[in-house]
């Protein structure tokens, strides 16, 4: 990257500490788009590779977990999807701590290397018929690696975005973390619909399900190239990469236990966003199994979810810069609390593509607005030497516990209560808990300086 780009990027980091606040110039307010693009592209590809598995679970189950019962194959495949959540906390702790000591850039290069290895394994592993028991073992290992990568991606990437942001734009820049997840769902939905419409069931089973993973692999070298040329944002005066001869004070030992209260509140915030998100993602399955709509219509809801998440995340980030974090955390969550159950009742009473589209988009839009504000607020509560680790732990624990179980819980609720609107009740209960956490968090937006 050219020296003038690096200078502009470095200048924007003044907001990370009060000492640098007075040295920022007007040019520092213009961050080169490629820097943000490198972070967002890598993040989107990693989430695309991780979530694509869910859309093709039926074909993966028959390929690697053959059984006389199609249901058994599917259940085994879905169980392996859940395995990907197991290593998320481990990735959050290990890679988050690495990012706080070695820098955001090397941590993000590490996560994209891990997701490459996991995705390549899924795309290239021969079927059970070809290599026997080795096939499902390799698939499980690949999912564990993918989970490790994704658990370690969110903390460094989000910390990087808010540290590179110009004054007054941390919310908008940080919101690209969640917006990129919306882009990933959009990409996965488009690929899924295109393959379903253009390939026969036999071709999908034989090789079509591997195509999305191969497409993800083709994009990874671009993300690696972009990330290699990103400037570092971790304060080198405190980090492990301090230049020789500079006033390099040793990085204090990360005492993450000193921030246990914030981490606890952050997990409660992540819980609400995660449950709402996975209920919206579940709308594809819900449309097919409960509402008896066609698979193509069900898959289309994934595309709408991606679009609404992308738009809602950026809107939430922009609003949080303008009006503060807490109003954007609070009011969309209140709206979810009030509107979700009536929206499900409307969908059940007037089942159609239009009502499915409206309900899915509403859930995704409101969730993304409050979710993007939370992903900015949480790292803003931590000093730089534990910022990536603190966010990684909160995010990984929240998503592992609630993301890995939401679809099971709401499926059980529908069966146990006989109420097809039961998923909305889960959103209501978890939203109440999240509102408590939001009220206890302090305001970190509106021009407040980011902690060193």
Protein backbone atom coordinates (compact mmCIF):
# COMPACT_ATOMS: atom_id res chain seq x y z
CA UNK A 1 0.00 0.00 0.00
CA UNK A 2 1.32 3.44 -0.88
CA UNK A 3 2.83 5.63 1.79
CA UNK A 4 0.12 8.31 1.49
CA UNK A 5 -2.58 5.67 2.12
CA UNK A 6 -0.74 4.39 5.17
CA UNK A 7 -0.32 7.92 6.45
CA UNK A 8 -4.01 8.66 6.03
CA UNK A 9 -4.91 5.39 7.74
CA UNK A 10 -2.55 5.92 10.62
CA UNK A 11 -3.84 9.43 11.17
CA UNK A 12 -7.37 8.20 11.66
CA UNK A 13 -6.26 6.18 14.65
CA UNK A 14 -5.96 9.29 16.77
CA UNK A 15 -9.43 8.71 18.08
CA UNK A 16 -8.16 5.62 19.86
CA UNK A 17 -6.60 7.80 22.52
CA UNK A 18 -7.06 11.24 23.95
CA UNK A 19 -3.46 12.17 23.23
CA UNK A 20 -3.97 11.66 19.51
CA UNK A 21 -7.30 13.47 19.36
CA UNK A 22 -5.82 16.90 18.84
CA UNK A 23 -3.47 15.86 16.05
CA UNK A 24 -6.12 14.71 13.57
CA UNK A 25 -6.41 16.65 10.34
CA UNK A 26 -9.22 16.96 7.84
CA UNK A 27 -7.47 14.44 5.58
CA UNK A 28 -7.52 11.90 8.41
CA UNK A 29 -11.28 11.84 8.16
CA UNK A 30 -11.09 10.17 4.76
CA UNK A 31 -10.17 6.51 5.23
CA UNK A 32 -9.30 4.73 1.96
CA UNK A 33 -12.24 2.45 1.06
CA UNK A 34 -9.88 -0.46 0.39
CA UNK A 35 -9.03 -0.70 4.08
CA UNK A 36 -12.65 -1.17 5.09
CA UNK A 37 -13.22 -3.40 2.06
CA UNK A 38 -10.40 -5.74 3.06
CA UNK A 39 -11.94 -6.28 6.48
CA UNK A 40 -15.49 -6.63 5.21
CA UNK A 41 -14.62 -8.93 2.30
CA UNK A 42 -12.77 -11.39 4.49
CA UNK A 43 -15.49 -11.36 7.11
CA UNK A 44 -18.26 -11.91 4.53
CA UNK A 45 -16.41 -14.82 2.93
CA UNK A 46 -15.82 -16.51 6.28
CA UNK A 47 -19.49 -16.27 7.26
CA UNK A 48 -20.55 -17.39 3.77
CA UNK A 49 -18.39 -20.51 3.99
CA UNK A 50 -19.67 -21.32 7.49
CA UNK A 51 -23.40 -20.83 6.82
CA UNK A 52 -23.53 -22.40 3.35
CA UNK A 53 -23.28 -25.80 5.03
CA UNK A 54 -26.75 -25.34 6.54
CA UNK A 55 -28.42 -24.74 3.17
CA UNK A 56 -27.10 -28.00 1.73
CA UNK A 57 -27.34 -30.18 4.83
CA UNK A 58 -29.60 -32.74 3.09
CA UNK A 59 -27.07 -33.42 0.31
CA UNK A 60 -24.09 -33.37 2.68
CA UNK A 61 -25.86 -35.86 4.95
CA UNK A 62 -26.41 -38.33 2.10
CA UNK A 63 -22.81 -37.93 0.90
CA UNK A 64 -20.97 -38.35 4.18
CA UNK A 65 -23.51 -39.93 6.55
CA UNK A 66 -25.35 -42.59 4.50
CA UNK A 67 -28.17 -44.40 6.24
CA UNK A 68 -31.21 -46.44 5.41
CA UNK A 69 -33.20 -43.59 6.93
CA UNK A 70 -32.98 -40.21 5.15
CA UNK A 71 -33.95 -38.57 8.45
CA UNK A 72 -30.97 -40.13 10.20
CA UNK A 73 -28.63 -38.81 7.50
CA UNK A 74 -30.11 -35.34 7.82
CA UNK A 75 -29.93 -35.36 11.62
CA UNK A 76 -26.28 -36.40 11.53
CA UNK A 77 -25.52 -33.67 9.00
CA UNK A 78 -27.31 -31.02 11.10
CA UNK A 79 -25.49 -32.26 14.19
CA UNK A 80 -22.18 -31.71 12.43
CA UNK A 81 -23.35 -28.18 11.56
CA UNK A 82 -23.75 -27.66 15.31
CA UNK A 83 -20.21 -28.95 15.87
CA UNK A 84 -19.01 -25.77 14.20
CA UNK A 85 -20.29 -23.82 17.21
CA UNK A 86 -18.32 -25.89 19.71
CA UNK A 87 -14.93 -24.39 18.86
CA UNK A 88 -16.16 -20.79 18.58
CA UNK A 89 -15.38 -19.91 22.23
CA UNK A 90 -11.93 -21.47 21.90
CA UNK A 91 -11.27 -19.46 18.76
CA UNK A 92 -12.56 -16.34 20.48
CA UNK A 93 -10.19 -16.74 23.43
CA UNK A 94 -7.07 -17.83 21.54
CA UNK A 95 -7.31 -15.59 18.49
CA UNK A 96 -8.80 -12.67 20.44
CA UNK A 97 -5.85 -12.71 22.86
CA UNK A 98 -3.47 -13.05 19.91
CA UNK A 99 -5.04 -9.99 18.26
CA UNK A 100 -4.64 -7.92 21.43
CA UNK A 101 -0.95 -8.82 21.69
CA UNK A 102 0.35 -9.30 18.14
CA UNK A 103 -2.09 -7.04 16.30
CA UNK A 104 -5.42 -7.10 14.48
CA UNK A 105 -3.88 -7.73 11.06
CA UNK A 106 -2.03 -11.00 11.84
CA UNK A 107 -5.11 -12.30 13.69
CA UNK A 108 -7.35 -11.64 10.68
CA UNK A 109 -4.85 -13.30 8.35
CA UNK A 110 -4.85 -16.31 10.67
CA UNK A 111 -8.65 -16.63 10.69
CA UNK A 112 -8.92 -16.47 6.92
CA UNK A 113 -6.20 -19.11 6.63
CA UNK A 114 -8.16 -21.39 8.96
CA UNK A 115 -11.45 -20.88 7.12
CA UNK A 116 -9.65 -21.71 3.86
CA UNK A 117 -8.44 -25.03 5.27
CA UNK A 118 -11.88 -25.94 6.62
CA UNK A 119 -13.75 -25.00 3.46
CA UNK A 120 -11.27 -26.76 1.19
CA UNK A 121 -11.73 -29.92 3.20
CA UNK A 122 -15.52 -29.77 2.82
CA UNK A 123 -15.33 -29.08 -0.90
CA UNK A 124 -12.78 -31.76 -1.75
CA UNK A 125 -13.40 -34.65 0.66
CA UNK A 126 -14.54 -37.79 -1.22
CA UNK A 127 -17.85 -39.40 -0.28
CA UNK A 128 -18.38 -42.14 2.30
CA UNK A 129 -18.74 -44.63 -0.56
CA UNK A 130 -15.22 -43.75 -1.75
CA UNK A 131 -13.14 -43.62 1.44
CA UNK A 132 -15.43 -45.00 4.14
CA UNK A 133 -15.38 -43.77 7.73
CA UNK A 134 -12.56 -41.30 6.97
CA UNK A 135 -15.06 -39.09 5.10
CA UNK A 136 -17.30 -38.12 8.06
CA UNK A 137 -14.24 -37.77 10.32
CA UNK A 138 -12.67 -35.27 7.91
CA UNK A 139 -15.96 -33.34 7.66
CA UNK A 140 -16.23 -33.06 11.44
CA UNK A 141 -12.63 -31.81 11.67
CA UNK A 142 -13.30 -29.26 8.93
CA UNK A 143 -16.33 -27.92 10.79
CA UNK A 144 -14.27 -27.63 13.98
CA UNK A 145 -11.65 -25.60 12.10
CA UNK A 146 -14.32 -23.36 10.56
CA UNK A 147 -15.82 -22.73 13.99
CA UNK A 148 -12.40 -21.88 15.40
CA UNK A 149 -11.86 -19.35 12.62
CA UNK A 150 -15.26 -17.72 12.94
CA UNK A 151 -14.99 -17.52 16.72
CA UNK A 152 -11.73 -15.65 16.33
CA UNK A 153 -12.79 -13.39 13.46
CA UNK A 154 -15.42 -11.15 15.04
CA UNK A 155 -13.30 -9.64 17.84
CA UNK A 156 -10.26 -8.57 15.77
CA UNK A 157 -12.32 -7.49 12.74
CA UNK A 158 -14.76 -5.36 14.73
CA UNK A 159 -11.97 -3.85 16.84
CA UNK A 160 -10.13 -2.99 13.64
CA UNK A 161 -13.16 -1.28 12.11
CA UNK A 162 -13.84 0.96 15.09
CA UNK A 163 -10.13 1.77 15.49
CA UNK A 164 -9.69 2.75 11.85
CA UNK A 165 -12.87 4.85 11.82
CA UNK A 166 -12.71 8.65 11.44
CA UNK A 167 -14.08 10.78 14.29
CA UNK A 168 -17.81 10.40 14.76
CA UNK A 169 -18.13 7.36 12.47
CA UNK A 170 -17.23 4.40 14.67
CA UNK A 171 -20.85 3.20 14.61
CA UNK A 172 -21.09 3.23 10.81
CA UNK A 173 -17.68 1.60 10.32
CA UNK A 174 -18.29 -1.03 13.00
CA UNK A 175 -21.72 -1.82 11.55
CA UNK A 176 -20.01 -3.28 8.49
CA UNK A 177 -19.21 -6.31 10.66
CA UNK A 178 -22.89 -7.29 10.81
CA UNK A 179 -23.64 -5.90 7.35
CA UNK A 180 -21.03 -8.25 5.89
CA UNK A 181 -22.87 -11.17 7.53
CA UNK A 182 -25.97 -10.01 5.68
CA UNK A 183 -23.97 -9.99 2.45
CA UNK A 184 -22.84 -13.55 3.22
CA UNK A 185 -26.43 -14.74 3.70
CA UNK A 186 -27.47 -12.93 0.52
CA UNK A 187 -24.71 -14.63 -1.46
CA UNK A 188 -25.54 -18.05 -0.01
CA UNK A 189 -29.24 -17.57 -0.76
CA UNK A 190 -28.66 -16.50 -4.35
CA UNK A 191 -26.33 -19.42 -5.02
CA UNK A 192 -28.77 -21.82 -3.35
CA UNK A 193 -31.76 -20.64 -5.40
CA UNK A 194 -29.75 -20.66 -8.64
CA UNK A 195 -28.53 -24.22 -8.11
CA UNK A 196 -31.97 -25.47 -7.03
CA UNK A 197 -33.59 -24.03 -10.16
CA UNK A 198 -30.93 -25.16 -12.65
CA UNK A 199 -29.77 -28.59 -11.46
CA UNK A 200 -31.65 -31.83 -11.17
CA UNK A 201 -31.85 -33.49 -7.73
CA UNK A 202 -29.40 -36.13 -8.97
CA UNK A 203 -26.83 -33.54 -10.06
CA UNK A 204 -27.27 -31.61 -6.83
CA UNK A 205 -26.53 -34.77 -4.88
CA UNK A 206 -23.63 -35.85 -7.06
CA UNK A 207 -21.69 -32.58 -7.24
CA UNK A 208 -23.92 -29.49 -7.15
CA UNK A 209 -23.75 -29.01 -3.36
CA UNK A 210 -19.94 -28.63 -3.62
CA UNK A 211 -20.21 -25.64 -5.99
CA UNK A 212 -20.93 -23.00 -3.30
CA UNK A 213 -17.85 -24.07 -1.32
CA UNK A 214 -15.66 -23.92 -4.44
CA UNK A 215 -16.98 -20.42 -5.19
CA UNK A 216 -16.03 -19.38 -1.67
CA UNK A 217 -12.53 -20.76 -2.15
CA UNK A 218 -12.08 -18.78 -5.37
CA UNK A 219 -12.75 -15.52 -3.50
CA UNK A 220 -10.45 -16.21 -0.54
CA UNK A 221 -7.15 -15.27 -2.31
CA UNK A 222 -8.60 -11.80 -2.98
CA UNK A 223 -9.41 -11.34 0.70
CA UNK A 224 -5.94 -12.56 1.74
CA UNK A 225 -4.27 -10.14 -0.68
CA UNK A 226 -6.32 -7.22 0.62
CA UNK A 227 -5.68 -8.07 4.27
CA UNK A 228 -1.94 -8.41 3.77
CA UNK A 229 -1.82 -4.76 2.71
CA UNK A 230 -3.88 -3.40 5.60
CA UNK A 231 -2.19 -1.08 8.12
CA UNK A 232 -2.14 -2.16 11.75
CA UNK A 233 -4.44 -0.34 14.19
CA UNK A 234 -3.32 -1.74 17.55
CA UNK A 235 -1.46 1.01 19.41
CA UNK A 236 2.16 -0.01 18.97
CA UNK A 237 3.13 2.00 21.99
CA UNK A 238 1.28 -0.65 23.98
CA UNK A 239 1.45 -3.63 21.68
CA UNK A 240 3.90 -6.42 21.09
CA UNK A 241 5.01 -4.94 17.78
CA UNK A 242 6.56 -1.78 19.18
CA UNK A 243 9.36 -0.50 17.01
CA UNK A 244 12.90 -0.65 18.42
CA UNK A 245 13.92 2.61 19.97
CA UNK A 246 10.35 3.87 20.25
CA UNK A 247 8.88 4.61 23.62
CA UNK A 248 7.64 1.08 23.93
CA UNK A 249 6.09 0.33 27.25
CA UNK A 250 5.34 -3.31 27.80
CA UNK A 251 1.79 -4.44 27.10
CA UNK A 252 0.00 -5.01 30.41
CA UNK A 253 -1.11 -8.56 31.02
CA UNK A 254 -4.68 -8.94 29.72
CA UNK A 255 -6.72 -9.05 32.95
CA UNK A 256 -9.96 -10.00 31.30
CA UNK A 257 -11.45 -10.96 34.67
CA UNK A 258 -11.42 -7.27 35.57
CA UNK A 259 -14.10 -6.82 32.91
CA UNK A 260 -16.33 -9.74 33.95
CA UNK A 261 -19.39 -7.53 34.52
CA UNK A 262 -19.19 -6.00 31.03
CA UNK A 263 -18.66 -9.42 29.47
CA UNK A 264 -21.73 -10.76 31.30
CA UNK A 265 -23.88 -7.89 30.08
CA UNK A 266 -22.43 -8.27 26.59
CA UNK A 267 -23.36 -11.98 26.49
CA UNK A 268 -26.95 -10.97 27.41
CA UNK A 269 -26.95 -8.47 24.54
CA UNK A 270 -25.51 -10.98 22.07
CA UNK A 271 -28.13 -13.51 23.20
CA UNK A 272 -31.03 -11.33 22.05
CA UNK A 273 -29.45 -10.56 18.69
CA UNK A 274 -28.50 -14.20 18.15
CA UNK A 275 -31.95 -15.61 18.93
CA UNK A 276 -33.70 -13.03 16.73
CA UNK A 277 -31.22 -13.69 13.92
CA UNK A 278 -31.57 -17.46 14.01
CA UNK A 279 -35.36 -17.24 14.19
CA UNK A 280 -35.22 -15.13 11.02
CA UNK A 281 -32.84 -17.65 9.42
CA UNK A 282 -35.23 -20.44 10.49
CA UNK A 283 -37.94 -18.87 8.35
CA UNK A 284 -36.66 -20.91 5.38
CA UNK A 285 -37.33 -24.19 7.23
CA UNK A 286 -40.47 -22.77 8.88
CA UNK A 287 -41.93 -21.83 5.50
CA UNK A 288 -41.45 -25.36 4.14
CA UNK A 289 -42.27 -27.52 7.18
CA UNK A 290 -44.90 -25.47 9.05
CA UNK A 291 -46.45 -23.19 6.43
CA UNK A 292 -46.17 -25.80 3.63
CA UNK A 293 -44.78 -23.31 1.09
CA UNK A 294 -42.51 -24.43 -1.77
CA UNK A 295 -38.74 -24.87 -1.22
CA UNK A 296 -37.97 -22.10 -3.73
CA UNK A 297 -40.15 -19.64 -1.77
CA UNK A 298 -38.52 -20.80 1.45
CA UNK A 299 -35.02 -20.28 0.04
CA UNK A 300 -36.02 -16.83 -1.24
CA UNK A 301 -36.58 -15.78 2.38
CA UNK A 302 -32.84 -16.27 2.88
CA UNK A 303 -32.15 -13.67 0.20
CA UNK A 304 -34.57 -11.24 1.86
CA UNK A 305 -32.94 -11.91 5.22
CA UNK A 306 -29.53 -11.04 3.77
CA UNK A 307 -30.76 -7.82 2.17
CA UNK A 308 -32.58 -6.66 5.30
CA UNK A 309 -29.61 -7.50 7.53
CA UNK A 310 -27.24 -5.54 5.31
CA UNK A 311 -29.52 -2.49 5.20
CA UNK A 312 -30.51 -2.63 8.86
CA UNK A 313 -26.93 -2.96 10.09
CA UNK A 314 -25.71 0.09 8.18
CA UNK A 315 -28.79 2.10 9.20
CA UNK A 316 -28.28 1.15 12.84
CA UNK A 317 -24.60 2.08 12.73
CA UNK A 318 -25.32 5.47 11.14
CA UNK A 319 -28.11 6.25 13.60
CA UNK A 320 -25.91 5.26 16.56
CA UNK A 321 -23.31 7.82 15.48
CA UNK A 322 -25.97 10.50 15.13
CA UNK A 323 -28.15 9.86 18.19
CA UNK A 324 -26.02 7.65 20.46
CA UNK A 325 -25.68 3.90 20.94
CA UNK A 326 -28.36 3.34 23.60
CA UNK A 327 -31.39 4.65 21.66
CA UNK A 328 -30.50 2.38 18.72
CA UNK A 329 -29.86 -0.54 21.06
CA UNK A 330 -33.13 0.05 22.89
CA UNK A 331 -35.95 0.99 20.51
CA UNK A 332 -35.52 -1.66 17.77
CA UNK A 333 -35.36 -4.26 20.56
CA UNK A 334 -38.60 -2.88 22.06
CA UNK A 335 -40.15 -3.07 18.59
CA UNK A 336 -39.11 -6.72 18.31
CA UNK A 337 -40.61 -7.40 21.72
CA UNK A 338 -43.94 -5.85 20.72
CA UNK A 339 -44.27 -6.80 17.04
CA UNK A 340 -42.82 -10.30 16.64
CA UNK A 341 -45.77 -12.30 18.01
CA UNK A 342 -48.45 -10.36 16.07
CA UNK A 343 -46.29 -10.70 12.93
CA UNK A 344 -46.22 -14.50 13.29
CA UNK A 345 -49.98 -14.61 13.85
CA UNK A 346 -50.47 -12.56 10.67
CA UNK A 347 -48.19 -14.90 8.72
CA UNK A 348 -50.07 -17.97 9.94
CA UNK A 349 -53.48 -16.47 9.18
CA UNK A 350 -52.53 -15.08 5.75
CA UNK A 351 -49.84 -17.42 4.51
CA UNK A 352 -48.26 -16.24 1.27
CA UNK A 353 -44.93 -15.23 -0.19
CA UNK A 354 -45.77 -11.59 0.53
CA UNK A 355 -46.45 -12.07 4.24
CA UNK A 356 -43.40 -14.35 4.57
CA UNK A 357 -41.27 -11.66 2.93
CA UNK A 358 -42.65 -8.94 5.20
CA UNK A 359 -42.21 -10.88 8.45
CA UNK A 360 -38.70 -12.10 7.57
CA UNK A 361 -37.60 -8.62 6.50
CA UNK A 362 -39.08 -7.02 9.63
CA UNK A 363 -37.29 -9.46 11.95
CA UNK A 364 -33.99 -9.12 10.11
CA UNK A 365 -34.14 -5.31 9.82
CA UNK A 366 -34.88 -4.62 13.50
CA UNK A 367 -32.41 -7.27 14.66
CA UNK A 368 -29.64 -5.86 12.47
CA UNK A 369 -30.24 -2.30 13.69
CA UNK A 370 -29.89 -3.17 17.36
CA UNK A 371 -27.26 -5.83 16.62
CA UNK A 372 -24.90 -3.50 14.78
CA UNK A 373 -25.11 -0.99 17.63
CA UNK A 374 -24.30 -3.73 20.14
CA UNK A 375 -21.27 -4.95 18.16
CA UNK A 376 -19.89 -1.40 18.34
CA UNK A 377 -20.90 -0.71 21.94
CA UNK A 378 -19.32 -3.85 23.39
CA UNK A 379 -15.72 -3.27 22.17
CA UNK A 380 -16.02 0.42 23.09
CA UNK A 381 -16.31 -0.68 26.73
CA UNK A 382 -12.86 -2.31 26.67
CA UNK A 383 -9.35 -0.78 26.56
CA UNK A 384 -7.31 -1.72 23.49
CA UNK A 385 -5.18 -4.41 25.16
CA UNK A 386 -8.25 -6.57 25.90
CA UNK A 387 -10.69 -5.20 23.30
CA UNK A 388 -10.59 -8.04 20.75
CA UNK A 389 -10.49 -10.69 23.49
CA UNK A 390 -13.43 -9.18 25.41
CA UNK A 391 -15.66 -8.94 22.35
CA UNK A 392 -14.56 -12.38 21.12
CA UNK A 393 -15.50 -14.06 24.39
CA UNK A 394 -18.88 -12.34 24.66
CA UNK A 395 -19.78 -12.96 21.04
CA UNK A 396 -18.52 -16.54 20.88
CA UNK A 397 -20.22 -17.60 24.13
CA UNK A 398 -23.51 -15.90 23.22
CA UNK A 399 -23.61 -17.35 19.71
CA UNK A 400 -22.46 -20.82 20.80
CA UNK A 401 -25.01 -21.20 23.60
CA UNK A 402 -27.95 -19.58 21.83
CA UNK A 403 -27.11 -19.77 18.12
CA UNK A 404 -26.38 -23.47 18.28
CA UNK A 405 -29.63 -24.23 20.12
CA UNK A 406 -32.22 -21.76 18.78
CA UNK A 407 -33.51 -23.91 15.94
CA UNK A 408 -33.79 -26.92 18.26
CA UNK A 409 -35.60 -24.88 20.93
CA UNK A 410 -38.15 -23.33 18.60
CA UNK A 411 -38.80 -26.66 16.85
CA UNK A 412 -39.44 -28.20 20.28
CA UNK A 413 -41.67 -25.28 21.30
CA UNK A 414 -43.86 -25.69 18.21
CA UNK A 415 -44.26 -29.43 18.91
CA UNK A 416 -44.76 -29.07 22.67
CA UNK A 417 -47.26 -26.21 22.56
CA UNK A 418 -48.97 -26.96 19.27
CA UNK A 419 -48.66 -23.23 18.60
CA UNK A 420 -47.02 -22.42 15.24
CA UNK A 421 -46.31 -18.90 16.56
CA UNK A 422 -44.14 -20.31 19.38
CA UNK A 423 -40.85 -19.08 17.86
CA UNK A 424 -42.04 -15.54 18.53
CA UNK A 425 -42.39 -16.33 22.24
CA UNK A 426 -38.70 -17.23 22.40
CA UNK A 427 -37.84 -13.87 20.81
CA UNK A 428 -40.03 -12.07 23.35
CA UNK A 429 -38.46 -13.76 26.39
CA UNK A 430 -34.87 -13.27 25.25
CA UNK A 431 -35.61 -9.67 24.24
CA UNK A 432 -36.71 -8.90 27.81
CA UNK A 433 -33.39 -10.19 29.15
CA UNK A 434 -31.45 -8.24 26.53
CA UNK A 435 -33.31 -5.03 27.43
CA UNK A 436 -32.06 -5.36 31.01
CA UNK A 437 -28.48 -5.55 29.76
CA UNK A 438 -28.96 -2.58 27.44
CA UNK A 439 -30.24 -0.40 30.28
CA UNK A 440 -27.21 -1.28 32.41
CA UNK A 441 -24.64 -0.45 29.69
CA UNK A 442 -23.27 3.08 29.55
CA UNK A 443 -23.41 5.34 26.50
CA UNK A 444 -20.22 5.14 24.43
CA UNK A 445 -21.18 7.11 21.30
CA UNK A 446 -21.83 10.79 20.62
CA UNK A 447 -18.18 11.82 20.23
CA UNK A 448 -16.77 9.95 23.22
CA UNK A 449 -13.11 9.03 22.86
CA UNK A 450 -12.22 5.37 22.39
CA UNK A 451 -10.24 3.91 25.31
CA UNK A 452 -6.57 3.13 24.85
